[in-house]
Amino acid sequence: MIPWKLQLSKYFRMSPYGLAATSIIAASVLFRTILVILHFPEINSDEGKMALAGIHIAFQGQFPIYDYGQDYLGVLEAYIAAPFFRLFGVSDITLRISMLLMFMLFLISMY
């Protein structure tokens, strides 16, 4: 019988390239999180419309397919932000949490 630590260690080995990529991704997500906390950049009209769609999803039960007034933009960010609006209240930081998650998933998928 092989101890469980040895069984798990063969799945969690990381090459130097994987370690470098992990540290770069973690540093970039941390840097972007710091910028979000410092309210940089200021919120613009596109983010305002996305927040409005997220509020409608979270509190009014609406399910929009496209961004308001622009039938070529989707509202994935609003759907991701809606649970955060319910948990933490409506603010620009809670709206940008969804963007941080999508940014992190993008970097991981690109690696």
PDB file of N, CA and C in Angstrom:
ATOM      1  N   MET A   1       0.838  -1.180   0.000  1.00  0.00           N
ATOM      2  CA  MET A   1       0.000   0.000   0.000  1.00  0.00           C
ATOM      3  C   MET A   1       0.887   1.250   0.000  1.00  0.00           C
ATOM      4  N   ILE A   2       0.643   2.133  -0.959  1.00  0.00           N
ATOM      5  CA  ILE A   2       1.429   3.358  -1.098  1.00  0.00           C
ATOM      6  C   ILE A   2       0.759   4.448  -0.276  1.00  0.00           C
ATOM      7  N   PRO A   3       1.546   5.182   0.523  1.00  0.00           N
ATOM      8  CA  PRO A   3       0.936   6.282   1.296  1.00  0.00           C
ATOM      9  C   PRO A   3       0.287   7.311   0.361  1.00  0.00           C
ATOM     10  N   TRP A   4      -0.772   7.958   0.863  1.00  0.00           N
ATOM     11  CA  TRP A   4      -1.543   8.890   0.040  1.00  0.00           C
ATOM     12  C   TRP A   4      -0.726  10.093  -0.393  1.00  0.00           C
ATOM     13  N   LYS A   5       0.285  10.478   0.386  1.00  0.00           N
ATOM     14  CA  LYS A   5       1.105  11.626  -0.015  1.00  0.00           C
ATOM     15  C   LYS A   5       1.891  11.316  -1.280  1.00  0.00           C
ATOM     16  N   LEU A   6       2.385  10.083  -1.390  1.00  0.00           N
ATOM     17  CA  LEU A   6       3.124   9.718  -2.598  1.00  0.00           C
ATOM     18  C   LEU A   6       2.198   9.592  -3.800  1.00  0.00           C
ATOM     19  N   GLN A   7       0.978   9.137  -3.579  1.00  0.00           N
ATOM     20  CA  GLN A   7       0.030   9.031  -4.678  1.00  0.00           C
ATOM     21  C   GLN A   7      -0.363  10.409  -5.206  1.00  0.00           C
ATOM     22  N   LEU A   8      -0.587  11.355  -4.307  1.00  0.00           N
ATOM     23  CA  LEU A   8      -0.973  12.699  -4.737  1.00  0.00           C
ATOM     24  C   LEU A   8       0.189  13.485  -5.314  1.00  0.00           C
ATOM     25  N   SER A   9       1.412  13.190  -4.868  1.00  0.00           N
ATOM     26  CA  SER A   9       2.547  13.984  -5.329  1.00  0.00           C
ATOM     27  C   SER A   9       2.818  13.793  -6.816  1.00  0.00           C
ATOM     28  N   LYS A  10       2.471  12.643  -7.370  1.00  0.00           N
ATOM     29  CA  LYS A  10       2.723  12.459  -8.797  1.00  0.00           C
ATOM     30  C   LYS A  10       1.765  13.286  -9.660  1.00  0.00           C
ATOM     31  N   TYR A  11       0.637  13.716  -9.110  1.00  0.00           N
ATOM     32  CA  TYR A  11      -0.307  14.539  -9.867  1.00  0.00           C
ATOM     33  C   TYR A  11      -0.046  16.032  -9.710  1.00  0.00           C
ATOM     34  N   PHE A  12       0.641  16.416  -8.670  1.00  0.00           N
ATOM     35  CA  PHE A  12       0.841  17.838  -8.399  1.00  0.00           C
ATOM     36  C   PHE A  12       2.283  18.281  -8.601  1.00  0.00           C
ATOM     37  N   ARG A  13       3.011  17.589  -9.444  1.00  0.00           N
ATOM     38  CA  ARG A  13       4.364  18.032  -9.765  1.00  0.00           C
ATOM     39  C   ARG A  13       4.281  19.236 -10.687  1.00  0.00           C
ATOM     40  N   MET A  14       5.202  20.172 -10.489  1.00  0.00           N
ATOM     41  CA  MET A  14       5.174  21.381 -11.297  1.00  0.00           C
ATOM     42  C   MET A  14       6.572  21.630 -11.846  1.00  0.00           C
ATOM     43  N   SER A  15       6.639  21.840 -13.139  1.00  0.00           N
ATOM     44  CA  SER A  15       7.910  22.138 -13.778  1.00  0.00           C
ATOM     45  C   SER A  15       8.303  23.586 -13.470  1.00  0.00           C
ATOM     46  N   PRO A  16       9.550  23.937 -13.740  1.00  0.00           N
ATOM     47  CA  PRO A  16       9.938  25.343 -13.528  1.00  0.00           C
ATOM     48  C   PRO A  16       9.111  26.311 -14.371  1.00  0.00           C
ATOM     49  N   TYR A  17       8.702  25.882 -15.567  1.00  0.00           N
ATOM     50  CA  TYR A  17       7.872  26.747 -16.410  1.00  0.00           C
ATOM     51  C   TYR A  17       6.473  26.926 -15.817  1.00  0.00           C
ATOM     52  N   GLY A  18       5.942  25.836 -15.274  1.00  0.00           N
ATOM     53  CA  GLY A  18       4.639  25.939 -14.623  1.00  0.00           C
ATOM     54  C   GLY A  18       4.696  26.812 -13.388  1.00  0.00           C
ATOM     55  N   LEU A  19       5.783  26.705 -12.630  1.00  0.00           N
ATOM     56  CA  LEU A  19       5.963  27.543 -11.443  1.00  0.00           C
ATOM     57  C   LEU A  19       6.097  29.013 -11.834  1.00  0.00           C
ATOM     58  N   ALA A  20       6.842  29.289 -12.900  1.00  0.00           N
ATOM     59  CA  ALA A  20       6.987  30.670 -13.367  1.00  0.00           C
ATOM     60  C   ALA A  20       5.655  31.218 -13.861  1.00  0.00           C
ATOM     61  N   ALA A  21       4.921  30.399 -14.615  1.00  0.00           N
ATOM     62  CA  ALA A  21       3.622  30.853 -15.118  1.00  0.00           C
ATOM     63  C   ALA A  21       2.654  31.098 -13.970  1.00  0.00           C
ATOM     64  N   THR A  22       2.656  30.223 -12.970  1.00  0.00           N
ATOM     65  CA  THR A  22       1.776  30.402 -11.816  1.00  0.00           C
ATOM     66  C   THR A  22       2.101  31.687 -11.073  1.00  0.00           C
ATOM     67  N   SER A  23       3.389  31.968 -10.902  1.00  0.00           N
ATOM     68  CA  SER A  23       3.761  33.188 -10.182  1.00  0.00           C
ATOM     69  C   SER A  23       3.424  34.441 -10.998  1.00  0.00           C
ATOM     70  N   ILE A  24       3.586  34.390 -12.314  1.00  0.00           N
ATOM     71  CA  ILE A  24       3.245  35.539 -13.151  1.00  0.00           C
ATOM     72  C   ILE A  24       1.739  35.782 -13.146  1.00  0.00           C
ATOM     73  N   ILE A  25       0.959  34.714 -13.248  1.00  0.00           N
ATOM     74  CA  ILE A  25      -0.500  34.852 -13.219  1.00  0.00           C
ATOM     75  C   ILE A  25      -0.962  35.383 -11.874  1.00  0.00           C
ATOM     76  N   ALA A  26      -0.400  34.839 -10.786  1.00  0.00           N
ATOM     77  CA  ALA A  26      -0.787  35.306  -9.447  1.00  0.00           C
ATOM     78  C   ALA A  26      -0.416  36.778  -9.247  1.00  0.00           C
ATOM     79  N   ALA A  27       0.775  37.170  -9.714  1.00  0.00           N
ATOM     80  CA  ALA A  27       1.194  38.567  -9.564  1.00  0.00           C
ATOM     81  C   ALA A  27       0.310  39.501 -10.386  1.00  0.00           C
ATOM     82  N   SER A  28      -0.050  39.103 -11.595  1.00  0.00           N
ATOM     83  CA  SER A  28      -0.878  39.982 -12.421  1.00  0.00           C
ATOM     84  C   SER A  28      -2.292  40.102 -11.865  1.00  0.00           C
ATOM     85  N   VAL A  29      -2.856  38.999 -11.344  1.00  0.00           N
ATOM     86  CA  VAL A  29      -4.189  39.079 -10.735  1.00  0.00           C
ATOM     87  C   VAL A  29      -4.142  39.914  -9.466  1.00  0.00           C
ATOM     88  N   LEU A  30      -3.072  39.774  -8.682  1.00  0.00           N
ATOM     89  CA  LEU A  30      -2.920  40.584  -7.473  1.00  0.00           C
ATOM     90  C   LEU A  30      -2.795  42.064  -7.828  1.00  0.00           C
ATOM     91  N   PHE A  31      -2.009  42.388  -8.861  1.00  0.00           N
ATOM     92  CA  PHE A  31      -1.848  43.777  -9.278  1.00  0.00           C
ATOM     93  C   PHE A  31      -3.175  44.365  -9.751  1.00  0.00           C
ATOM     94  N   ARG A  32      -3.918  43.581 -10.524  1.00  0.00           N
ATOM     95  CA  ARG A  32      -5.215  44.073 -11.002  1.00  0.00           C
ATOM     96  C   ARG A  32      -6.199  44.231  -9.858  1.00  0.00           C
ATOM     97  N   THR A  33      -6.138  43.345  -8.853  1.00  0.00           N
ATOM     98  CA  THR A  33      -7.000  43.468  -7.685  1.00  0.00           C
ATOM     99  C   THR A  33      -6.684  44.741  -6.906  1.00  0.00           C
ATOM    100  N   ILE A  34      -5.413  45.058  -6.765  1.00  0.00           N
ATOM    101  CA  ILE A  34      -5.016  46.291  -6.082  1.00  0.00           C
ATOM    102  C   ILE A  34      -5.547  47.505  -6.844  1.00  0.00           C
ATOM    103  N   LEU A  35      -5.466  47.468  -8.169  1.00  0.00           N
ATOM    104  CA  LEU A  35      -5.994  48.585  -8.958  1.00  0.00           C
ATOM    105  C   LEU A  35      -7.509  48.720  -8.790  1.00  0.00           C
ATOM    106  N   VAL A  36      -8.210  47.598  -8.701  1.00  0.00           N
ATOM    107  CA  VAL A  36      -9.668  47.641  -8.505  1.00  0.00           C
ATOM    108  C   VAL A  36      -9.991  48.239  -7.143  1.00  0.00           C
ATOM    109  N   ILE A  37      -9.251  47.845  -6.125  1.00  0.00           N
ATOM    110  CA  ILE A  37      -9.492  48.377  -4.777  1.00  0.00           C
ATOM    111  C   ILE A  37      -9.240  49.882  -4.730  1.00  0.00           C
ATOM    112  N   LEU A  38      -8.265  50.342  -5.507  1.00  0.00           N
ATOM    113  CA  LEU A  38      -7.950  51.773  -5.550  1.00  0.00           C
ATOM    114  C   LEU A  38      -8.843  52.540  -6.529  1.00  0.00           C
ATOM    115  N   HIS A  39      -9.875  51.880  -7.088  1.00  0.00           N
ATOM    116  CA  HIS A  39     -10.835  52.493  -8.017  1.00  0.00           C
ATOM    117  C   HIS A  39     -10.153  53.063  -9.252  1.00  0.00           C
ATOM    118  N   PHE A  40      -9.210  52.285  -9.801  1.00  0.00           N
ATOM    119  CA  PHE A  40      -8.534  52.719 -11.012  1.00  0.00           C
ATOM    120  C   PHE A  40      -8.772  51.699 -12.102  1.00  0.00           C
ATOM    121  N   PRO A  41      -9.167  52.034 -13.260  1.00  0.00           N
ATOM    122  CA  PRO A  41      -9.613  53.339 -13.723  1.00  0.00           C
ATOM    123  C   PRO A  41     -11.027  53.622 -13.247  1.00  0.00           C
ATOM    124  N   GLU A  42     -11.430  54.871 -13.414  1.00  0.00           N
ATOM    125  CA  GLU A  42     -12.783  55.232 -12.989  1.00  0.00           C
ATOM    126  C   GLU A  42     -13.802  54.493 -13.842  1.00  0.00           C
ATOM    127  N   ILE A  43     -14.978  54.306 -13.271  1.00  0.00           N
ATOM    128  CA  ILE A  43     -16.030  53.571 -13.971  1.00  0.00           C
ATOM    129  C   ILE A  43     -16.538  54.398 -15.152  1.00  0.00           C
ATOM    130  N   ASN A  44     -16.827  53.713 -16.260  1.00  0.00           N
ATOM    131  CA  ASN A  44     -17.297  54.423 -17.449  1.00  0.00           C
ATOM    132  C   ASN A  44     -18.717  53.974 -17.790  1.00  0.00           C
ATOM    133  N   SER A  45     -19.254  54.473 -18.885  1.00  0.00           N
ATOM    134  CA  SER A  45     -20.653  54.208 -19.215  1.00  0.00           C
ATOM    135  C   SER A  45     -20.891  52.747 -19.578  1.00  0.00           C
ATOM    136  N   ASP A  46     -19.915  52.090 -20.202  1.00  0.00           N
ATOM    137  CA  ASP A  46     -20.093  50.679 -20.541  1.00  0.00           C
ATOM    138  C   ASP A  46     -20.204  49.826 -19.277  1.00  0.00           C
ATOM    139  N   GLU A  47     -19.371  50.118 -18.296  1.00  0.00           N
ATOM    140  CA  GLU A  47     -19.466  49.383 -17.032  1.00  0.00           C
ATOM    141  C   GLU A  47     -20.746  49.735 -16.290  1.00  0.00           C
ATOM    142  N   GLY A  48     -21.203  50.969 -16.431  1.00  0.00           N
ATOM    143  CA  GLY A  48     -22.458  51.367 -15.810  1.00  0.00           C
ATOM    144  C   GLY A  48     -23.641  50.603 -16.373  1.00  0.00           C
ATOM    145  N   LYS A  49     -23.650  50.412 -17.701  1.00  0.00           N
ATOM    146  CA  LYS A  49     -24.723  49.622 -18.307  1.00  0.00           C
ATOM    147  C   LYS A  49     -24.626  48.158 -17.896  1.00  0.00           C
ATOM    148  N   MET A  50     -23.417  47.655 -17.742  1.00  0.00           N
ATOM    149  CA  MET A  50     -23.247  46.275 -17.301  1.00  0.00           C
ATOM    150  C   MET A  50     -23.706  46.121 -15.859  1.00  0.00           C
ATOM    151  N   ALA A  51     -23.432  47.131 -15.028  1.00  0.00           N
ATOM    152  CA  ALA A  51     -23.907  47.094 -13.646  1.00  0.00           C
ATOM    153  C   ALA A  51     -25.425  47.165 -13.588  1.00  0.00           C
ATOM    154  N   LEU A  52     -26.009  47.975 -14.444  1.00  0.00           N
ATOM    155  CA  LEU A  52     -27.470  48.062 -14.498  1.00  0.00           C
ATOM    156  C   LEU A  52     -28.086  46.720 -14.896  1.00  0.00           C
ATOM    157  N   ALA A  53     -27.483  46.049 -15.863  1.00  0.00           N
ATOM    158  CA  ALA A  53     -27.970  44.723 -16.261  1.00  0.00           C
ATOM    159  C   ALA A  53     -27.793  43.726 -15.118  1.00  0.00           C
ATOM    160  N   GLY A  54     -26.682  43.813 -14.391  1.00  0.00           N
ATOM    161  CA  GLY A  54     -26.468  42.933 -13.240  1.00  0.00           C
ATOM    162  C   GLY A  54     -27.464  43.178 -12.126  1.00  0.00           C
ATOM    163  N   ILE A  55     -27.827  44.432 -11.910  1.00  0.00           N
ATOM    164  CA  ILE A  55     -28.845  44.766 -10.901  1.00  0.00           C
ATOM    165  C   ILE A  55     -30.189  44.202 -11.313  1.00  0.00           C
ATOM    166  N   HIS A  56     -30.518  44.318 -12.593  1.00  0.00           N
ATOM    167  CA  HIS A  56     -31.785  43.775 -13.070  1.00  0.00           C
ATOM    168  C   HIS A  56     -31.818  42.253 -12.953  1.00  0.00           C
ATOM    169  N   ILE A  57     -30.692  41.603 -13.181  1.00  0.00           N
ATOM    170  CA  ILE A  57     -30.630  40.152 -13.039  1.00  0.00           C
ATOM    171  C   ILE A  57     -30.750  39.756 -11.573  1.00  0.00           C
ATOM    172  N   ALA A  58     -30.018  40.459 -10.703  1.00  0.00           N
ATOM    173  CA  ALA A  58     -29.956  40.073  -9.294  1.00  0.00           C
ATOM    174  C   ALA A  58     -31.231  40.381  -8.527  1.00  0.00           C
ATOM    175  N   PHE A  59     -31.837  41.528  -8.784  1.00  0.00           N
ATOM    176  CA  PHE A  59     -32.926  41.975  -7.920  1.00  0.00           C
ATOM    177  C   PHE A  59     -34.304  41.966  -8.575  1.00  0.00           C
ATOM    178  N   GLN A  60     -34.375  41.935  -9.900  1.00  0.00           N
ATOM    179  CA  GLN A  60     -35.675  41.980 -10.561  1.00  0.00           C
ATOM    180  C   GLN A  60     -36.007  40.701 -11.319  1.00  0.00           C
ATOM    181  N   GLY A  61     -35.078  39.758 -11.371  1.00  0.00           N
ATOM    182  CA  GLY A  61     -35.347  38.487 -12.023  1.00  0.00           C
ATOM    183  C   GLY A  61     -35.387  38.546 -13.535  1.00  0.00           C
ATOM    184  N   GLN A  62     -34.821  39.583 -14.126  1.00  0.00           N
ATOM    185  CA  GLN A  62     -34.789  39.675 -15.583  1.00  0.00           C
ATOM    186  C   GLN A  62     -33.601  38.881 -16.110  1.00  0.00           C
ATOM    187  N   PHE A  63     -33.690  38.449 -17.358  1.00  0.00           N
ATOM    188  CA  PHE A  63     -32.617  37.684 -17.973  1.00  0.00           C
ATOM    189  C   PHE A  63     -32.301  38.236 -19.354  1.00  0.00           C
ATOM    190  N   PRO A  64     -31.567  39.366 -19.418  1.00  0.00           N
ATOM    191  CA  PRO A  64     -31.249  39.942 -20.731  1.00  0.00           C
ATOM    192  C   PRO A  64     -30.238  39.070 -21.477  1.00  0.00           C
ATOM    193  N   ILE A  65     -30.323  39.130 -22.791  1.00  0.00           N
ATOM    194  CA  ILE A  65     -29.392  38.378 -23.628  1.00  0.00           C
ATOM    195  C   ILE A  65     -28.287  39.287 -24.152  1.00  0.00           C
ATOM    196  N   TYR A  66     -28.654  40.521 -24.503  1.00  0.00           N
ATOM    197  CA  TYR A  66     -27.697  41.472 -25.053  1.00  0.00           C
ATOM    198  C   TYR A  66     -27.594  42.682 -24.144  1.00  0.00           C
ATOM    199  N   ASP A  67     -26.483  43.401 -24.306  1.00  0.00           N
ATOM    200  CA  ASP A  67     -26.289  44.650 -23.589  1.00  0.00           C
ATOM    201  C   ASP A  67     -27.330  45.661 -24.061  1.00  0.00           C
ATOM    202  N   TYR A  68     -27.810  46.491 -23.143  1.00  0.00           N
ATOM    203  CA  TYR A  68     -28.874  47.436 -23.471  1.00  0.00           C
ATOM    204  C   TYR A  68     -28.413  48.422 -24.533  1.00  0.00           C
ATOM    205  N   GLY A  69     -29.146  48.473 -25.639  1.00  0.00           N
ATOM    206  CA  GLY A  69     -28.854  49.420 -26.702  1.00  0.00           C
ATOM    207  C   GLY A  69     -27.786  48.963 -27.665  1.00  0.00           C
ATOM    208  N   GLN A  70     -27.135  47.841 -27.400  1.00  0.00           N
ATOM    209  CA  GLN A  70     -26.079  47.346 -28.278  1.00  0.00           C
ATOM    210  C   GLN A  70     -26.291  45.850 -28.471  1.00  0.00           C
ATOM    211  N   ASP A  71     -26.905  45.488 -29.560  1.00  0.00           N
ATOM    212  CA  ASP A  71     -27.301  44.106 -29.783  1.00  0.00           C
ATOM    213  C   ASP A  71     -26.147  43.194 -30.166  1.00  0.00           C
ATOM    214  N   TYR A  72     -24.923  43.691 -30.139  1.00  0.00           N
ATOM    215  CA  TYR A  72     -23.781  42.864 -30.493  1.00  0.00           C
ATOM    216  C   TYR A  72     -22.914  42.538 -29.281  1.00  0.00           C
ATOM    217  N   LEU A  73     -23.253  43.054 -28.114  1.00  0.00           N
ATOM    218  CA  LEU A  73     -22.486  42.783 -26.904  1.00  0.00           C
ATOM    219  C   LEU A  73     -23.285  41.897 -25.961  1.00  0.00           C
ATOM    220  N   GLY A  74     -22.651  40.877 -25.420  1.00  0.00           N
ATOM    221  CA  GLY A  74     -23.311  39.995 -24.468  1.00  0.00           C
ATOM    222  C   GLY A  74     -23.222  40.535 -23.051  1.00  0.00           C
ATOM    223  N   VAL A  75     -23.892  39.854 -22.136  1.00  0.00           N
ATOM    224  CA  VAL A  75     -23.961  40.310 -20.750  1.00  0.00           C
ATOM    225  C   VAL A  75     -23.405  39.247 -19.785  1.00  0.00           C
ATOM    226  N   LEU A  76     -22.372  38.530 -20.209  1.00  0.00           N
ATOM    227  CA  LEU A  76     -21.778  37.514 -19.350  1.00  0.00           C
ATOM    228  C   LEU A  76     -21.257  38.126 -18.054  1.00  0.00           C
ATOM    229  N   GLU A  77     -20.632  39.273 -18.134  1.00  0.00           N
ATOM    230  CA  GLU A  77     -20.122  39.939 -16.941  1.00  0.00           C
ATOM    231  C   GLU A  77     -21.242  40.272 -15.964  1.00  0.00           C
ATOM    232  N   ALA A  78     -22.404  40.660 -16.482  1.00  0.00           N
ATOM    233  CA  ALA A  78     -23.540  40.981 -15.615  1.00  0.00           C
ATOM    234  C   ALA A  78     -24.064  39.730 -14.921  1.00  0.00           C
ATOM    235  N   TYR A  79     -24.104  38.619 -15.634  1.00  0.00           N
ATOM    236  CA  TYR A  79     -24.554  37.370 -15.018  1.00  0.00           C
ATOM    237  C   TYR A  79     -23.585  36.894 -13.940  1.00  0.00           C
ATOM    238  N   ILE A  80     -22.298  37.094 -14.146  1.00  0.00           N
ATOM    239  CA  ILE A  80     -21.318  36.713 -13.132  1.00  0.00           C
ATOM    240  C   ILE A  80     -21.371  37.674 -11.949  1.00  0.00           C
ATOM    241  N   ALA A  81     -21.648  38.952 -12.205  1.00  0.00           N
ATOM    242  CA  ALA A  81     -21.679  39.953 -11.143  1.00  0.00           C
ATOM    243  C   ALA A  81     -22.941  39.887 -10.297  1.00  0.00           C
ATOM    244  N   ALA A  82     -24.024  39.344 -10.827  1.00  0.00           N
ATOM    245  CA  ALA A  82     -25.309  39.345 -10.117  1.00  0.00           C
ATOM    246  C   ALA A  82     -25.241  38.659  -8.746  1.00  0.00           C
ATOM    247  N   PRO A  83     -24.630  37.478  -8.603  1.00  0.00           N
ATOM    248  CA  PRO A  83     -24.545  36.895  -7.246  1.00  0.00           C
ATOM    249  C   PRO A  83     -23.712  37.740  -6.287  1.00  0.00           C
ATOM    250  N   PHE A  84     -22.674  38.398  -6.821  1.00  0.00           N
ATOM    251  CA  PHE A  84     -21.861  39.261  -5.965  1.00  0.00           C
ATOM    252  C   PHE A  84     -22.647  40.496  -5.523  1.00  0.00           C
ATOM    253  N   PHE A  85     -23.534  40.997  -6.387  1.00  0.00           N
ATOM    254  CA  PHE A  85     -24.407  42.097  -5.986  1.00  0.00           C
ATOM    255  C   PHE A  85     -25.325  41.668  -4.856  1.00  0.00           C
ATOM    256  N   ARG A  86     -25.842  40.448  -4.934  1.00  0.00           N
ATOM    257  CA  ARG A  86     -26.719  39.948  -3.859  1.00  0.00           C
ATOM    258  C   ARG A  86     -25.942  39.739  -2.566  1.00  0.00           C
ATOM    259  N   LEU A  87     -24.697  39.281  -2.657  1.00  0.00           N
ATOM    260  CA  LEU A  87     -23.904  39.001  -1.449  1.00  0.00           C
ATOM    261  C   LEU A  87     -23.324  40.258  -0.812  1.00  0.00           C
ATOM    262  N   PHE A  88     -22.717  41.117  -1.628  1.00  0.00           N
ATOM    263  CA  PHE A  88     -21.939  42.235  -1.090  1.00  0.00           C
ATOM    264  C   PHE A  88     -22.542  43.603  -1.331  1.00  0.00           C
ATOM    265  N   GLY A  89     -23.660  43.691  -2.029  1.00  0.00           N
ATOM    266  CA  GLY A  89     -24.239  44.986  -2.346  1.00  0.00           C
ATOM    267  C   GLY A  89     -23.706  45.507  -3.671  1.00  0.00           C
ATOM    268  N   VAL A  90     -24.337  46.546  -4.152  1.00  0.00           N
ATOM    269  CA  VAL A  90     -23.986  47.090  -5.464  1.00  0.00           C
ATOM    270  C   VAL A  90     -22.903  48.148  -5.306  1.00  0.00           C
ATOM    271  N   SER A  91     -21.780  47.924  -5.948  1.00  0.00           N
ATOM    272  CA  SER A  91     -20.706  48.919  -6.006  1.00  0.00           C
ATOM    273  C   SER A  91     -19.831  48.598  -7.210  1.00  0.00           C
ATOM    274  N   ASP A  92     -18.935  49.502  -7.520  1.00  0.00           N
ATOM    275  CA  ASP A  92     -18.066  49.247  -8.655  1.00  0.00           C
ATOM    276  C   ASP A  92     -17.071  48.127  -8.371  1.00  0.00           C
ATOM    277  N   ILE A  93     -16.697  47.949  -7.107  1.00  0.00           N
ATOM    278  CA  ILE A  93     -15.769  46.870  -6.768  1.00  0.00           C
ATOM    279  C   ILE A  93     -16.429  45.513  -6.962  1.00  0.00           C
ATOM    280  N   THR A  94     -17.691  45.375  -6.549  1.00  0.00           N
ATOM    281  CA  THR A  94     -18.357  44.093  -6.743  1.00  0.00           C
ATOM    282  C   THR A  94     -18.625  43.814  -8.219  1.00  0.00           C
ATOM    283  N   LEU A  95     -18.813  44.847  -9.018  1.00  0.00           N
ATOM    284  CA  LEU A  95     -18.942  44.644 -10.456  1.00  0.00           C
ATOM    285  C   LEU A  95     -17.630  44.141 -11.039  1.00  0.00           C
ATOM    286  N   ARG A  96     -16.532  44.677 -10.575  1.00  0.00           N
ATOM    287  CA  ARG A  96     -15.240  44.312 -11.145  1.00  0.00           C
ATOM    288  C   ARG A  96     -14.694  42.991 -10.608  1.00  0.00           C
ATOM    289  N   ILE A  97     -15.334  42.420  -9.588  1.00  0.00           N
ATOM    290  CA  ILE A  97     -14.944  41.081  -9.149  1.00  0.00           C
ATOM    291  C   ILE A  97     -15.175  40.091 -10.284  1.00  0.00           C
ATOM    292  N   SER A  98     -16.272  40.257 -10.999  1.00  0.00           N
ATOM    293  CA  SER A  98     -16.539  39.355 -12.123  1.00  0.00           C
ATOM    294  C   SER A  98     -15.491  39.523 -13.221  1.00  0.00           C
ATOM    295  N   MET A  99     -15.054  40.753 -13.451  1.00  0.00           N
ATOM    296  CA  MET A  99     -14.011  40.972 -14.444  1.00  0.00           C
ATOM    297  C   MET A  99     -12.684  40.357 -13.996  1.00  0.00           C
ATOM    298  N   LEU A 100     -12.408  40.405 -12.687  1.00  0.00           N
ATOM    299  CA  LEU A 100     -11.200  39.768 -12.181  1.00  0.00           C
ATOM    300  C   LEU A 100     -11.244  38.253 -12.379  1.00  0.00           C
ATOM    301  N   LEU A 101     -12.395  37.654 -12.143  1.00  0.00           N
ATOM    302  CA  LEU A 101     -12.528  36.210 -12.355  1.00  0.00           C
ATOM    303  C   LEU A 101     -12.328  35.852 -13.823  1.00  0.00           C
ATOM    304  N   MET A 102     -12.926  36.639 -14.715  1.00  0.00           N
ATOM    305  CA  MET A 102     -12.755  36.359 -16.141  1.00  0.00           C
ATOM    306  C   MET A 102     -11.315  36.597 -16.583  1.00  0.00           C
ATOM    307  N   PHE A 103     -10.649  37.600 -16.014  1.00  0.00           N
ATOM    308  CA  PHE A 103      -9.248  37.869 -16.322  1.00  0.00           C
ATOM    309  C   PHE A 103      -8.376  36.705 -15.886  1.00  0.00           C
ATOM    310  N   MET A 104      -8.622  36.175 -14.673  1.00  0.00           N
ATOM    311  CA  MET A 104      -7.847  35.060 -14.167  1.00  0.00           C
ATOM    312  C   MET A 104      -8.078  33.809 -15.021  1.00  0.00           C
ATOM    313  N   LEU A 105      -9.323  33.534 -15.379  1.00  0.00           N
ATOM    314  CA  LEU A 105      -9.609  32.379 -16.227  1.00  0.00           C
ATOM    315  C   LEU A 105      -8.999  32.523 -17.615  1.00  0.00           C
ATOM    316  N   PHE A 106      -8.969  33.747 -18.126  1.00  0.00           N
ATOM    317  CA  PHE A 106      -8.325  33.986 -19.413  1.00  0.00           C
ATOM    318  C   PHE A 106      -6.832  33.680 -19.345  1.00  0.00           C
ATOM    319  N   LEU A 107      -6.158  34.162 -18.314  1.00  0.00           N
ATOM    320  CA  LEU A 107      -4.722  33.911 -18.199  1.00  0.00           C
ATOM    321  C   LEU A 107      -4.424  32.425 -18.026  1.00  0.00           C
ATOM    322  N   ILE A 108      -5.241  31.744 -17.237  1.00  0.00           N
ATOM    323  CA  ILE A 108      -5.032  30.303 -17.036  1.00  0.00           C
ATOM    324  C   ILE A 108      -5.273  29.550 -18.339  1.00  0.00           C
ATOM    325  N   SER A 109      -6.310  29.924 -19.070  1.00  0.00           N
ATOM    326  CA  SER A 109      -6.583  29.226 -20.327  1.00  0.00           C
ATOM    327  C   SER A 109      -5.519  29.530 -21.376  1.00  0.00           C
ATOM    328  N   MET A 110      -4.946  30.715 -21.350  1.00  0.00           N
ATOM    329  CA  MET A 110      -3.887  31.034 -22.306  1.00  0.00           C
ATOM    330  C   MET A 110      -2.597  30.279 -21.989  1.00  0.00           C
ATOM    331  N   TYR A 111      -2.390  29.964 -20.710  1.00  0.00           N
ATOM    332  CA  TYR A 111      -1.206  29.169 -20.372  1.00  0.00           C
ATOM    333  C   TYR A 111      -1.396  27.752 -20.858  1.00  0.00           C
TER     334      TYR A 111
END
